Every structure is written in C-alpha cells, then in structure tokens.
Amino acid sequence: MVTHRRWVFGVWLIALIGLGSFAPSVFTDLAGAGWQANGSESVQVRELAQQHFGGNSSAAVQVVVHSDAASITDPAVRAVIDDVTEVFSGDSRFGDVVAPQPNMTISPDGRTGIVIAGANGTTDEMVKAVDDVKERLTALSTDGIEVYPTGSSALWSDFNKANHDAMIQAELFSWPVTLAIMVLAFGSLVAAGLPLLLTVAGLVASAGGLVLLNGVTPISVWAMNFAMMFALALGIDYALFIVARFRDALRNTDPRAAVAATMDTAGKAVVLSGLTVLVSLSAVLLVPAPAVRTMAVGIMLAVAFVLLATMTLLPAALGALGPKVNAASLPYAKRQVHRSPRFAAWGELLHKHPWPFAVVSVGILIALALPVLGLKVAMPSIAVVPEDAPVRQGYELVQDRFGPGAPGSLQIVVPEVDAAETATVAARVDGISMVTPPQSAADDSGYALLQAIPSVDPSDEAMGSILAELRSTLPDSALVGGAPAENLD
C-alpha cells in the first residue's frame, strides 16, 4: 500500500466521488417502512384489502377532521372534508377515498370524522406518499377546524422524521466530542484526525452503496442509521489499533517498515474482527422482516467499507505522512515516555492473581445481564413521536372520541358465506368493543371485510391475547390482520 499509495488514493477518490454523488439522497430515497413479517397472516390481510377493497388496508391513510363548535355535517366542515379528498385525487398511490360514515367513522357526538384514503402502493410507497401530502393536509386546518393525518403510514412518516432529526443532532454533538477524545488519546491533531477521516470515507461509501441497492430492492432508512453508528464505532476502533501501533513502530524504524510491522500485527487483528462482525451479522439476514434484513445489509456494508479503508487507505496515508503523523502534538505528548507505570502495575497484578479478578468480572457481567430475563420487546407505538406531531394529535383525538382501541382496528377478511358467522363470533371475543358490518368486495371476488375495534390501546399487552383468541375462535376461512396484528406478527 505504501509503494502504490498514489494508486490507492486515486481509486478511493474515484470511489468516493462516484458513491458520494448518490449519498446526499440517502435519507429521502430509502424506504420508510418494511417492519412487517413477510408471509404472515396479517400481511396476507393487507394484500387482500388493497386488492379487493379499494386499498382500505392497514397502510391506508386516515385523516381526522374535528371541530369543537360544529358538527361534521356543517357546511364549513364539509368543505374541509372535500378539500381533504381533493388532496388525494389524482395521486395513483391512493385508492378509494371514503368520507366519514355515520356509526363508523363519525364520532357519537358528531364533531369528529375520519376520511380514509386507500393504499394502492407498498408500505414503503405509502410512507413516502404521506411525506408528500401531510403538509398540505395539515394546512387545511382553520381556527375552528382541525385536520390531522394519522394511521400507520403517517406514524412511520413522522417517526422517521423525528428519528432523522434526532440522529443529526446526536451526530453533531458526538463528532466534536469524539475528536476531542481522540486528541487527548493521541496527543496529536493529525493522528486524531485519521480515525474520523476513515469513518467519513466508510460512511460516504456506505450511503452511496445503500442508495444504489435501493434501486434493486427496498432498503430501510434504518439501514443508514445503523450504518452511521457502526461506521463511527468501528472506524475509530480500527484506526486506534493501526495508528497507535504505527506510531510505536515509527520510533525504531522508517515509515515503510513501520507500516509493514503495523499491518502484520494490528492489521491481522482488525481483519479478524471485521470478518467476525460480518459473519455474525449475516445471521440477521434470515429474519423475515425486510427492515431488519436491510438494517443488517446497511451495517455489513459500513463494516466492509471501513474494513477496506483500514486495510488500504489508512496504511497508504500513514506511509505518506511518516513522522508527520505526530504533527500538531500537544505539549504533554512531546515527552518521549511511552510507558505508563500505573497500567504496567495493573497488568502485573492481573497476571499474578488472574482467578479472583476473573470471578469478580464474570459475576459483574452476570449481574448486569440479569435484567434481560425480564426484557419485553415491542414495535414503536405512538409514544415514540413528539406530542406536537400531527399523527399523534390525530391518534389521541380518535382515542378520545371513538375509544382507546379505535386507532388500531383489527381487519378480518373472510369469504362472504362466512361473514355473518365471523361477525357474531368476533363480537363475543373478550376485548373487542365493536365489529362493523361486513363490507362485500366490489370486484365480485367473494370476499368480505370486517373491522374489529379493540377495547384497549393498540400497543397494550392485552392486544396479543385478543388477537390470539380471534384467530383461534373465528372460522378457519377468516384471516385477521390490521396494524396491531402486523406489529405482533
């Protein structure tokens, strides 16, 4: 790498320019959903609802229209509802648009209604569709009428935005802190900058690579979020090994020999570490959820680029810098004392008495791991988005006016011949507050769609037992889905 460093720099420059040209669009191009379990019953229900019921699936967009002073039938409110419908018209990503219906999507007090815009696209496409129209929808609000887009697609839209904003803020805070720590650790501004440059190279290449992959198969935006974390962590970690070993070797030999000695020792450890991470992450590719699989792809891409940069770009840079790697050193680092008496004494103590320290260490690790036994996992609920987000305001308004389970109805698709029996059985299930009348498919497919409204919040632990009872008691021909079922599946 030192001998051919100009070629190395040239190849990396071309790669970073090429991939970097795609990187700026990474957060807008990548998919915003993909958390469903492919092949599950709930996904089958969503696909059937989109195909046979005008897109009235879990991915449909619900727009809450509310007025404290007027009813849904008031001309001013009706005008706003017409404007909401107009927003969706002409956009092929949306299916049938259904105005608020009495006893179904109009609240008992008549002051809140829900406009349902069917989903014609995939969950990823619907999140992007909401991204495009949500500002137009909320802009329809007036002094006396409130308009809030909600539903699972809107939830993911606002959640992804909040997550992106938080990630940017975290990175803006962490990078200066990381640089300060590197400066203190290395005692040199040049040496401290190398790990961050390595990380930037890995991030730019990963971002561009993910955008290109997204053209082949949908890649979750979360893939980039995790790629950023792993690139920063591993980039700094690997560079620490290499740079520290190089500076140590440079005291006794020339730069070319120092690079060779570094890569023969620390380089081997870095390769082993990187390959181990890649092999471990490959197991995640077996998970049926697209978002989880693509997160693994994003992390693996970041690890691969960081590893490649560590084994090629970094040694070439070190060979070019030579003694200048210690340039801009802090005063304390100029002292040629590279042995810490305290760490040496600590190492000798561990060497003389390994077993007591091993037992104590294992005991601490076990104690720290014990809470895992009570770990409860769940999909993000409405609580993960800011309280002032339109999707949360609409969600809470629906709960207040229609009941706690109204924002997350369970959808049941069943052959028409079994629809009446299914409705009767579903209404008797503990935890179901209401079942809507069967809606026959307009395409003569022979299917009927029912909405079962839970009596608890969609993120409540009881939802799991409600779903299980529905699936076990309904006729075998009935399929149960909906947003809560997709989360649980």
Protein backbone atom coordinates (compact mmCIF):
# COMPACT_ATOMS: atom_id res chain seq x y z
CA MET A 1 0.00 0.00 0.00
CA VAL A 2 2.88 2.38 0.76
CA THR A 3 4.63 1.62 -2.52
CA HIS A 4 1.49 2.19 -4.58
CA ARG A 5 -0.14 4.81 -2.37
CA ARG A 6 -0.90 7.14 -5.27
CA TRP A 7 -2.95 4.40 -6.91
CA VAL A 8 -4.68 3.74 -3.59
CA PHE A 9 -5.53 7.42 -3.15
CA GLY A 10 -6.72 7.65 -6.76
CA VAL A 11 -9.00 4.62 -6.54
CA TRP A 12 -10.51 5.79 -3.26
CA LEU A 13 -11.00 9.31 -4.64
CA ILE A 14 -12.87 7.96 -7.66
CA ALA A 15 -14.94 5.61 -5.49
CA LEU A 16 -15.86 8.35 -3.02
CA ILE A 17 -16.78 10.81 -5.76
CA GLY A 18 -18.87 8.17 -7.53
CA LEU A 19 -20.66 6.82 -4.47
CA GLY A 20 -20.71 10.23 -2.82
CA SER A 21 -22.81 11.63 -5.65
CA PHE A 22 -25.63 9.34 -4.50
CA ALA A 23 -25.09 9.82 -0.76
CA PRO A 24 -27.00 13.13 -0.27
CA SER A 25 -30.31 11.48 -1.17
CA VAL A 26 -29.90 8.55 1.20
CA PHE A 27 -32.50 9.69 3.76
CA THR A 28 -35.09 10.65 1.14
CA ASP A 29 -34.65 7.67 -1.19
CA LEU A 30 -34.55 4.83 1.33
CA ALA A 31 -37.71 3.04 2.41
CA GLY A 32 -39.62 4.28 5.44
CA ALA A 33 -41.42 1.09 6.49
CA GLY A 34 -40.84 -2.63 5.96
CA TRP A 35 -41.42 -3.83 9.50
CA GLN A 36 -43.96 -6.49 8.55
CA ALA A 37 -43.24 -10.23 8.76
CA ASN A 38 -43.39 -11.40 5.16
CA GLY A 39 -45.68 -14.38 4.66
CA SER A 40 -47.60 -13.76 7.88
CA GLU A 41 -51.39 -13.79 8.15
CA SER A 42 -51.52 -10.04 8.74
CA VAL A 43 -49.57 -9.32 5.55
CA GLN A 44 -51.99 -11.55 3.62
CA VAL A 45 -54.89 -9.49 5.01
CA ARG A 46 -53.24 -6.22 3.97
CA GLU A 47 -52.64 -7.51 0.45
CA LEU A 48 -56.23 -8.77 0.12
CA ALA A 49 -57.64 -5.49 1.45
CA GLN A 50 -55.60 -3.48 -1.01
CA GLN A 51 -56.54 -5.73 -3.91
CA HIS A 52 -60.26 -6.16 -3.28
CA PHE A 53 -61.39 -3.29 -1.02
CA GLY A 54 -60.06 -0.14 -2.65
CA GLY A 55 -56.87 -0.09 -0.60
CA ASN A 56 -58.67 0.02 2.76
CA SER A 57 -55.80 -1.80 4.45
CA SER A 58 -53.54 -1.16 7.43
CA ALA A 59 -51.45 1.11 5.17
CA ALA A 60 -54.44 3.35 4.34
CA VAL A 61 -54.19 6.98 5.41
CA GLN A 62 -56.70 8.22 7.98
CA VAL A 63 -57.32 11.95 8.13
CA VAL A 64 -59.05 13.18 11.29
CA VAL A 65 -61.27 16.24 10.85
CA HIS A 66 -62.53 17.76 14.13
CA SER A 67 -64.39 20.84 15.27
CA ASP A 68 -65.31 21.80 18.81
CA ALA A 69 -68.02 24.17 17.61
CA ALA A 70 -69.58 22.47 14.58
CA SER A 71 -70.72 19.03 13.53
CA ILE A 72 -69.38 17.04 10.60
CA THR A 73 -72.50 17.96 8.60
CA ASP A 74 -71.79 21.69 8.95
CA PRO A 75 -71.08 23.26 5.52
CA ALA A 76 -67.72 24.65 6.64
CA VAL A 77 -66.60 21.24 7.91
CA ARG A 78 -67.91 19.52 4.78
CA ALA A 79 -65.89 21.97 2.68
CA VAL A 80 -62.73 20.98 4.56
CA ILE A 81 -63.55 17.28 4.05
CA ASP A 82 -63.94 17.97 0.32
CA ASP A 83 -60.55 19.70 0.33
CA VAL A 84 -59.02 16.66 2.05
CA THR A 85 -60.49 14.42 -0.64
CA GLU A 86 -59.09 16.72 -3.32
CA VAL A 87 -55.56 16.31 -1.93
CA PHE A 88 -55.72 12.58 -2.61
CA SER A 89 -57.41 12.79 -6.00
CA GLY A 90 -55.16 12.32 -8.99
CA ASP A 91 -52.45 10.57 -6.97
CA SER A 92 -52.26 6.95 -8.12
CA ARG A 93 -50.67 5.90 -4.83
CA PHE A 94 -54.02 6.37 -3.10
CA GLY A 95 -57.06 4.18 -3.70
CA ASP A 96 -60.69 4.84 -2.83
CA VAL A 97 -61.31 7.86 -0.62
CA VAL A 98 -64.18 7.32 1.82
CA ALA A 99 -65.78 10.28 3.58
CA PRO A 100 -66.79 9.97 7.27
CA GLN A 101 -69.65 7.47 7.69
CA PRO A 102 -72.32 7.53 10.45
CA ASN A 103 -71.88 4.89 13.19
CA MET A 104 -68.45 4.01 11.80
CA THR A 105 -66.09 6.93 11.21
CA ILE A 106 -68.17 9.74 12.71
CA SER A 107 -67.89 10.11 16.48
CA PRO A 108 -71.00 9.74 18.69
CA ASP A 109 -71.06 13.50 19.32
CA GLY A 110 -70.89 14.16 15.57
CA ARG A 111 -67.95 16.56 15.83
CA THR A 112 -65.13 14.29 14.67
CA GLY A 113 -64.89 12.40 11.40
CA ILE A 114 -62.26 10.24 9.73
CA VAL A 115 -61.56 10.38 6.00
CA ILE A 116 -59.96 7.13 4.80
CA ALA A 117 -57.70 7.20 1.73
CA GLY A 118 -56.96 3.69 0.49
CA ALA A 119 -53.44 2.46 -0.19
CA ASN A 120 -52.51 1.46 -3.73
CA GLY A 121 -48.81 1.10 -3.05
CA THR A 122 -46.50 -0.86 -0.81
CA THR A 123 -45.98 0.20 2.80
CA ASP A 124 -42.78 1.98 1.76
CA GLU A 125 -44.55 3.83 -1.05
CA MET A 126 -47.37 4.86 1.28
CA VAL A 127 -44.94 6.34 3.82
CA LYS A 128 -43.38 8.40 1.02
CA ALA A 129 -46.89 9.35 -0.17
CA VAL A 130 -47.72 10.68 3.29
CA ASP A 131 -44.41 12.56 3.30
CA ASP A 132 -45.59 14.32 0.15
CA VAL A 133 -49.13 15.26 1.24
CA LYS A 134 -49.11 15.67 5.03
CA GLU A 135 -48.17 19.35 4.99
CA ARG A 136 -50.97 20.08 2.51
CA LEU A 137 -53.40 18.22 4.76
CA THR A 138 -52.45 19.96 7.99
CA ALA A 139 -52.54 23.31 6.15
CA LEU A 140 -56.29 22.78 5.68
CA SER A 141 -56.83 23.42 9.40
CA THR A 142 -58.64 26.64 10.26
CA ASP A 143 -59.31 28.48 13.51
CA GLY A 144 -62.29 26.25 14.25
CA ILE A 145 -61.47 23.06 12.35
CA GLU A 146 -58.51 20.75 12.97
CA VAL A 147 -57.06 18.37 10.36
CA TYR A 148 -54.59 15.64 11.31
CA PRO A 149 -53.27 12.82 9.08
CA THR A 150 -52.86 9.62 11.08
CA GLY A 151 -52.70 5.85 10.66
CA SER A 152 -49.68 3.55 10.42
CA SER A 153 -48.27 5.16 7.26
CA ALA A 154 -48.46 8.60 8.85
CA LEU A 155 -46.96 7.21 12.06
CA TRP A 156 -43.91 5.90 10.21
CA SER A 157 -43.63 9.16 8.29
CA ASP A 158 -43.49 11.29 11.44
CA PHE A 159 -41.43 8.70 13.33
CA ASN A 160 -38.79 8.58 10.59
CA LYS A 161 -38.61 12.37 10.51
CA ALA A 162 -38.26 12.61 14.29
CA ASN A 163 -35.63 9.87 14.23
CA HIS A 164 -33.70 11.56 11.43
CA ASP A 165 -33.71 14.91 13.24
CA ALA A 166 -32.56 13.25 16.47
CA MET A 167 -29.83 11.34 14.63
CA ILE A 168 -28.46 14.52 13.04
CA GLN A 169 -28.44 16.29 16.41
CA ALA A 170 -26.70 13.34 18.02
CA GLU A 171 -24.04 13.24 15.29
CA LEU A 172 -23.45 17.00 15.53
CA PHE A 173 -22.84 16.54 19.25
CA SER A 174 -20.87 13.29 19.12
CA TRP A 175 -18.35 14.18 16.40
CA PRO A 176 -16.73 17.14 18.22
CA VAL A 177 -16.70 15.15 21.45
CA THR A 178 -15.15 12.18 19.65
CA LEU A 179 -12.49 14.40 18.08
CA ALA A 180 -11.65 15.88 21.48
CA ILE A 181 -11.25 12.39 22.96
CA MET A 182 -9.05 11.36 20.03
CA VAL A 183 -6.85 14.41 20.50
CA LEU A 184 -6.42 13.62 24.19
CA ALA A 185 -5.73 9.95 23.45
CA PHE A 186 -3.19 10.52 20.65
CA GLY A 187 -1.83 13.86 21.77
CA SER A 188 -1.70 14.93 18.13
CA LEU A 189 -4.25 16.65 15.92
CA VAL A 190 -3.06 14.83 12.81
CA ALA A 191 -3.17 11.39 14.42
CA ALA A 192 -6.56 12.15 15.96
CA GLY A 193 -8.00 13.19 12.61
CA LEU A 194 -7.13 9.94 10.84
CA PRO A 195 -9.85 7.81 12.55
CA LEU A 196 -12.50 10.38 11.70
CA LEU A 197 -11.36 10.62 8.08
CA LEU A 198 -11.53 6.84 7.89
CA THR A 199 -15.06 6.92 9.30
CA VAL A 200 -16.16 9.61 6.83
CA ALA A 201 -14.83 7.55 3.92
CA GLY A 202 -16.73 4.49 5.13
CA LEU A 203 -19.93 6.49 5.70
CA VAL A 204 -19.91 8.20 2.30
CA ALA A 205 -19.27 4.92 0.50
CA SER A 206 -21.95 3.14 2.55
CA ALA A 207 -24.56 5.84 1.93
CA GLY A 208 -23.97 5.77 -1.81
CA GLY A 209 -23.98 1.98 -1.85
CA LEU A 210 -27.31 1.84 0.00
CA VAL A 211 -28.93 4.26 -2.45
CA LEU A 212 -27.76 2.09 -5.36
CA LEU A 213 -29.01 -1.08 -3.64
CA ASN A 214 -32.35 0.61 -3.02
CA GLY A 215 -32.80 0.72 -6.78
CA VAL A 216 -32.71 -3.08 -6.79
CA THR A 217 -34.65 -3.85 -3.60
CA PRO A 218 -36.23 -1.56 -0.97
CA ILE A 219 -33.72 -0.65 1.75
CA SER A 220 -34.99 0.69 5.07
CA VAL A 221 -33.84 4.15 6.12
CA TRP A 222 -32.87 2.47 9.38
CA ALA A 223 -30.07 0.74 7.49
CA MET A 224 -28.33 4.10 7.17
CA ASN A 225 -28.95 4.98 10.81
CA PHE A 226 -27.23 1.82 11.99
CA ALA A 227 -24.54 2.13 9.32
CA MET A 228 -23.65 5.54 10.79
CA MET A 229 -23.31 4.10 14.29
CA PHE A 230 -21.21 1.12 13.25
CA ALA A 231 -19.01 3.12 10.87
CA LEU A 232 -18.23 5.62 13.61
CA ALA A 233 -17.60 2.94 16.24
CA LEU A 234 -15.55 0.55 14.12
CA GLY A 235 -13.78 3.26 12.15
CA ILE A 236 -12.42 4.79 15.33
CA ASP A 237 -11.74 1.42 16.93
CA TYR A 238 -9.80 0.01 13.98
CA ALA A 239 -7.91 3.24 13.36
CA LEU A 240 -6.87 3.34 17.02
CA PHE A 241 -5.24 -0.08 16.67
CA ILE A 242 -3.45 0.82 13.46
CA VAL A 243 -2.34 4.37 14.26
CA ALA A 244 -1.17 3.56 17.79
CA ARG A 245 0.84 0.57 16.55
CA PHE A 246 2.32 2.61 13.68
CA ARG A 247 3.44 5.44 15.95
CA ASP A 248 5.08 2.95 18.26
CA ALA A 249 6.88 1.20 15.40
CA LEU A 250 7.93 4.50 13.86
CA ARG A 251 10.19 5.27 16.82
CA ASN A 252 12.54 2.47 15.82
CA THR A 253 12.35 2.28 12.03
CA ASP A 254 11.40 4.10 8.81
CA PRO A 255 7.76 4.71 7.73
CA ARG A 256 7.69 1.89 5.16
CA ALA A 257 8.90 -0.70 7.67
CA ALA A 258 6.62 0.74 10.36
CA VAL A 259 3.57 0.28 8.12
CA ALA A 260 4.64 -3.29 7.33
CA ALA A 261 5.09 -4.12 11.02
CA THR A 262 1.76 -2.48 11.86
CA MET A 263 -0.24 -4.39 9.26
CA ASP A 264 1.47 -7.65 10.22
CA THR A 265 0.28 -7.28 13.81
CA ALA A 266 -2.61 -4.86 14.37
CA GLY A 267 -3.76 -5.32 10.77
CA LYS A 268 -4.37 -9.03 11.29
CA ALA A 269 -6.42 -8.32 14.42
CA VAL A 270 -8.54 -5.78 12.53
CA VAL A 271 -9.22 -8.20 9.67
CA LEU A 272 -10.24 -10.94 12.10
CA SER A 273 -12.53 -8.54 13.96
CA GLY A 274 -14.16 -7.22 10.79
CA LEU A 275 -14.77 -10.67 9.33
CA THR A 276 -16.25 -11.85 12.64
CA VAL A 277 -18.68 -8.92 12.65
CA LEU A 278 -19.69 -9.64 9.05
CA VAL A 279 -20.27 -13.34 9.70
CA SER A 280 -22.29 -12.59 12.84
CA LEU A 281 -24.50 -10.08 11.03
CA SER A 282 -25.18 -12.50 8.19
CA ALA A 283 -27.42 -14.48 10.57
CA VAL A 284 -29.77 -11.48 10.77
CA LEU A 285 -30.49 -11.90 7.04
CA LEU A 286 -32.64 -14.90 7.99
CA VAL A 287 -35.19 -12.70 9.80
CA PRO A 288 -38.33 -12.40 7.61
CA ALA A 289 -38.88 -8.68 8.34
CA PRO A 290 -37.49 -6.61 5.41
CA ALA A 291 -36.49 -3.68 7.63
CA VAL A 292 -34.42 -5.92 9.91
CA ARG A 293 -32.71 -7.62 6.98
CA THR A 294 -31.84 -4.35 5.30
CA MET A 295 -30.52 -2.94 8.58
CA ALA A 296 -28.10 -5.86 8.61
CA VAL A 297 -27.19 -5.10 4.99
CA GLY A 298 -26.50 -1.47 5.88
CA ILE A 299 -24.31 -2.41 8.83
CA MET A 300 -22.44 -5.03 6.79
CA LEU A 301 -21.85 -2.50 4.01
CA ALA A 302 -20.47 0.02 6.52
CA VAL A 303 -18.25 -2.60 8.15
CA ALA A 304 -16.97 -3.76 4.76
CA PHE A 305 -16.08 -0.25 3.60
CA VAL A 306 -14.49 0.70 6.93
CA LEU A 307 -12.51 -2.54 6.92
CA LEU A 308 -11.41 -1.96 3.32
CA ALA A 309 -10.37 1.60 4.13
CA THR A 310 -8.49 0.41 7.21
CA MET A 311 -6.52 -2.13 5.18
CA THR A 312 -5.79 0.11 2.17
CA LEU A 313 -6.40 3.83 2.63
CA LEU A 314 -5.12 4.14 6.19
CA PRO A 315 -1.74 2.39 5.66
CA ALA A 316 -1.22 4.42 2.48
CA ALA A 317 -1.94 7.63 4.42
CA LEU A 318 0.39 6.61 7.24
CA GLY A 319 3.15 5.81 4.76
CA ALA A 320 2.72 9.22 3.15
CA LEU A 321 2.68 11.06 6.48
CA GLY A 322 5.53 9.24 8.15
CA PRO A 323 6.79 11.26 11.15
CA LYS A 324 4.25 13.99 10.32
CA VAL A 325 1.61 11.77 11.93
CA ASN A 326 2.82 13.33 15.19
CA ALA A 327 2.45 16.88 13.87
CA ALA A 328 0.49 19.43 15.90
CA SER A 329 1.22 17.48 19.08
CA LEU A 330 0.09 18.69 22.46
CA PRO A 331 2.82 19.63 24.95
CA TYR A 332 2.40 16.54 27.14
CA ALA A 333 2.67 14.25 24.12
CA LYS A 334 6.09 15.55 23.13
CA ARG A 335 7.72 13.81 26.06
CA GLN A 336 9.22 10.56 24.78
CA VAL A 337 7.78 8.48 27.58
CA HIS A 338 5.55 5.77 26.18
CA ARG A 339 5.22 3.51 29.20
CA SER A 340 2.59 4.02 31.88
CA PRO A 341 3.80 2.78 35.30
CA ARG A 342 0.23 2.59 36.57
CA PHE A 343 -1.03 0.43 33.71
CA ALA A 344 2.09 -1.69 33.93
CA ALA A 345 1.47 -2.29 37.64
CA TRP A 346 -2.18 -3.10 36.94
CA GLY A 347 -1.16 -5.61 34.28
CA GLU A 348 1.32 -7.28 36.63
CA LEU A 349 -1.35 -7.55 39.33
CA LEU A 350 -3.76 -9.25 36.91
CA HIS A 351 -1.03 -11.61 35.80
CA LYS A 352 -0.20 -12.66 39.35
CA HIS A 353 -3.81 -13.09 40.53
CA PRO A 354 -5.96 -13.88 37.46
CA TRP A 355 -8.66 -16.05 39.06
CA PRO A 356 -10.03 -13.60 41.67
CA PHE A 357 -10.34 -10.89 39.04
CA ALA A 358 -11.91 -13.33 36.56
CA VAL A 359 -14.53 -14.48 39.09
CA VAL A 360 -15.40 -10.90 40.07
CA SER A 361 -15.61 -9.83 36.41
CA VAL A 362 -17.88 -12.72 35.46
CA GLY A 363 -20.07 -12.01 38.48
CA ILE A 364 -20.46 -8.37 37.46
CA LEU A 365 -21.30 -9.36 33.88
CA ILE A 366 -23.94 -11.84 35.07
CA ALA A 367 -25.48 -9.24 37.38
CA LEU A 368 -25.65 -6.73 34.54
CA ALA A 369 -27.20 -9.33 32.22
CA LEU A 370 -29.94 -10.50 34.62
CA PRO A 371 -32.45 -7.78 33.58
CA VAL A 372 -32.53 -9.41 30.12
CA LEU A 373 -34.74 -12.13 31.64
CA GLY A 374 -37.49 -9.55 32.04
CA LEU A 375 -36.90 -7.82 28.73
CA LYS A 376 -40.07 -7.01 26.79
CA VAL A 377 -39.82 -6.13 23.12
CA ALA A 378 -42.42 -4.34 21.04
CA MET A 379 -42.83 -2.30 17.90
CA PRO A 380 -42.77 1.51 18.20
CA SER A 381 -46.06 2.93 19.49
CA ILE A 382 -47.47 6.41 19.10
CA ALA A 383 -45.45 7.42 22.17
CA VAL A 384 -42.23 7.47 20.11
CA VAL A 385 -43.27 10.56 18.13
CA PRO A 386 -43.31 14.07 19.63
CA GLU A 387 -46.52 15.16 21.35
CA ASP A 388 -46.99 18.02 18.89
CA ALA A 389 -46.66 15.77 15.83
CA PRO A 390 -49.90 15.79 13.74
CA VAL A 391 -50.06 11.98 13.69
CA ARG A 392 -50.03 11.84 17.49
CA GLN A 393 -52.59 14.61 17.86
CA GLY A 394 -54.89 12.81 15.44
CA TYR A 395 -54.30 9.47 17.15
CA GLU A 396 -55.15 10.83 20.59
CA LEU A 397 -58.19 12.65 19.22
CA VAL A 398 -59.51 9.40 17.73
CA GLN A 399 -58.98 7.63 21.05
CA ASP A 400 -60.77 10.40 22.92
CA ARG A 401 -63.79 10.45 20.58
CA PHE A 402 -64.07 6.83 19.43
CA GLY A 403 -62.45 4.77 22.20
CA PRO A 404 -58.92 3.63 23.15
CA GLY A 405 -58.68 0.91 20.50
CA ALA A 406 -60.16 2.87 17.59
CA PRO A 407 -56.81 3.97 16.07
CA GLY A 408 -55.75 0.34 15.63
CA SER A 409 -58.68 -1.69 14.38
CA LEU A 410 -58.17 -5.35 13.53
CA GLN A 411 -59.18 -6.24 9.99
CA ILE A 412 -60.84 -9.55 9.16
CA VAL A 413 -61.03 -10.83 5.59
CA VAL A 414 -63.37 -13.77 5.10
CA PRO A 415 -65.42 -15.38 2.30
CA GLU A 416 -68.86 -13.77 2.14
CA VAL A 417 -70.57 -17.04 3.04
CA ASP A 418 -68.83 -17.00 6.43
CA ALA A 419 -69.09 -13.24 7.05
CA ALA A 420 -72.21 -13.29 9.26
CA GLU A 421 -70.86 -16.07 11.48
CA THR A 422 -67.49 -14.33 11.69
CA ALA A 423 -69.09 -11.06 12.81
CA THR A 424 -71.11 -12.83 15.51
CA VAL A 425 -68.14 -14.76 16.87
CA ALA A 426 -65.80 -11.75 16.77
CA ALA A 427 -68.28 -9.60 18.71
CA ARG A 428 -68.24 -12.16 21.55
CA VAL A 429 -64.45 -12.12 21.93
CA ASP A 430 -63.34 -10.52 25.18
CA GLY A 431 -61.51 -7.29 24.37
CA ILE A 432 -63.45 -6.44 21.20
CA SER A 433 -65.73 -3.44 21.73
CA MET A 434 -67.35 -3.31 18.31
CA VAL A 435 -67.44 -5.15 14.98
CA THR A 436 -68.50 -3.27 11.85
CA PRO A 437 -70.98 -4.86 9.43
CA PRO A 438 -69.34 -6.98 6.70
CA GLN A 439 -68.30 -4.99 3.62
CA SER A 440 -68.53 -7.02 0.42
CA ALA A 441 -65.80 -6.64 -2.17
CA ALA A 442 -66.92 -4.61 -5.17
CA ASP A 443 -64.96 -6.79 -7.61
CA ASP A 444 -67.14 -9.88 -7.05
CA SER A 445 -64.20 -11.77 -5.59
CA GLY A 446 -66.44 -13.26 -2.91
CA TYR A 447 -64.57 -11.67 0.00
CA ALA A 448 -65.96 -9.60 2.85
CA LEU A 449 -64.09 -7.20 5.13
CA LEU A 450 -64.90 -6.56 8.79
CA GLN A 451 -63.31 -4.16 11.26
CA ALA A 452 -62.97 -5.38 14.86
CA ILE A 453 -62.34 -2.48 17.23
CA PRO A 454 -60.35 -3.46 20.37
CA SER A 455 -61.29 -2.08 23.75
CA VAL A 456 -57.63 -1.39 24.62
CA ASP A 457 -54.87 0.76 23.17
CA PRO A 458 -53.26 -0.94 20.13
CA SER A 459 -49.91 -1.08 21.97
CA ASP A 460 -51.41 -2.61 25.13
CA GLU A 461 -50.03 -6.01 26.17
CA ALA A 462 -53.57 -7.41 26.12
CA MET A 463 -53.68 -6.99 22.34
CA GLY A 464 -51.66 -10.17 21.93
CA SER A 465 -54.22 -12.32 23.74
CA ILE A 466 -57.11 -10.60 21.91
CA LEU A 467 -55.54 -11.38 18.55
CA ALA A 468 -54.79 -14.97 19.57
CA GLU A 469 -58.38 -15.54 20.70
CA LEU A 470 -59.78 -14.08 17.49
CA ARG A 471 -57.64 -16.32 15.35
CA SER A 472 -58.46 -19.41 17.37
CA THR A 473 -62.25 -18.89 17.56
CA LEU A 474 -63.11 -17.46 14.14
CA PRO A 475 -63.94 -19.79 11.23
CA ASP A 476 -60.88 -21.33 9.58
CA SER A 477 -61.54 -19.30 6.45
CA ALA A 478 -61.14 -15.99 8.32
CA LEU A 479 -57.83 -14.12 8.22
CA VAL A 480 -57.07 -11.50 10.87
CA GLY A 481 -54.75 -8.56 10.23
CA GLY A 482 -54.56 -4.82 10.72
CA ALA A 483 -51.74 -2.64 12.04
CA PRO A 484 -51.71 -4.16 15.59
CA ALA A 485 -51.61 -7.68 14.13
CA GLU A 486 -48.72 -6.75 11.83
CA ASN A 487 -46.77 -5.41 14.79
CA LEU A 488 -47.40 -8.57 16.82
CA ASP A 489 -46.64 -10.91 13.90
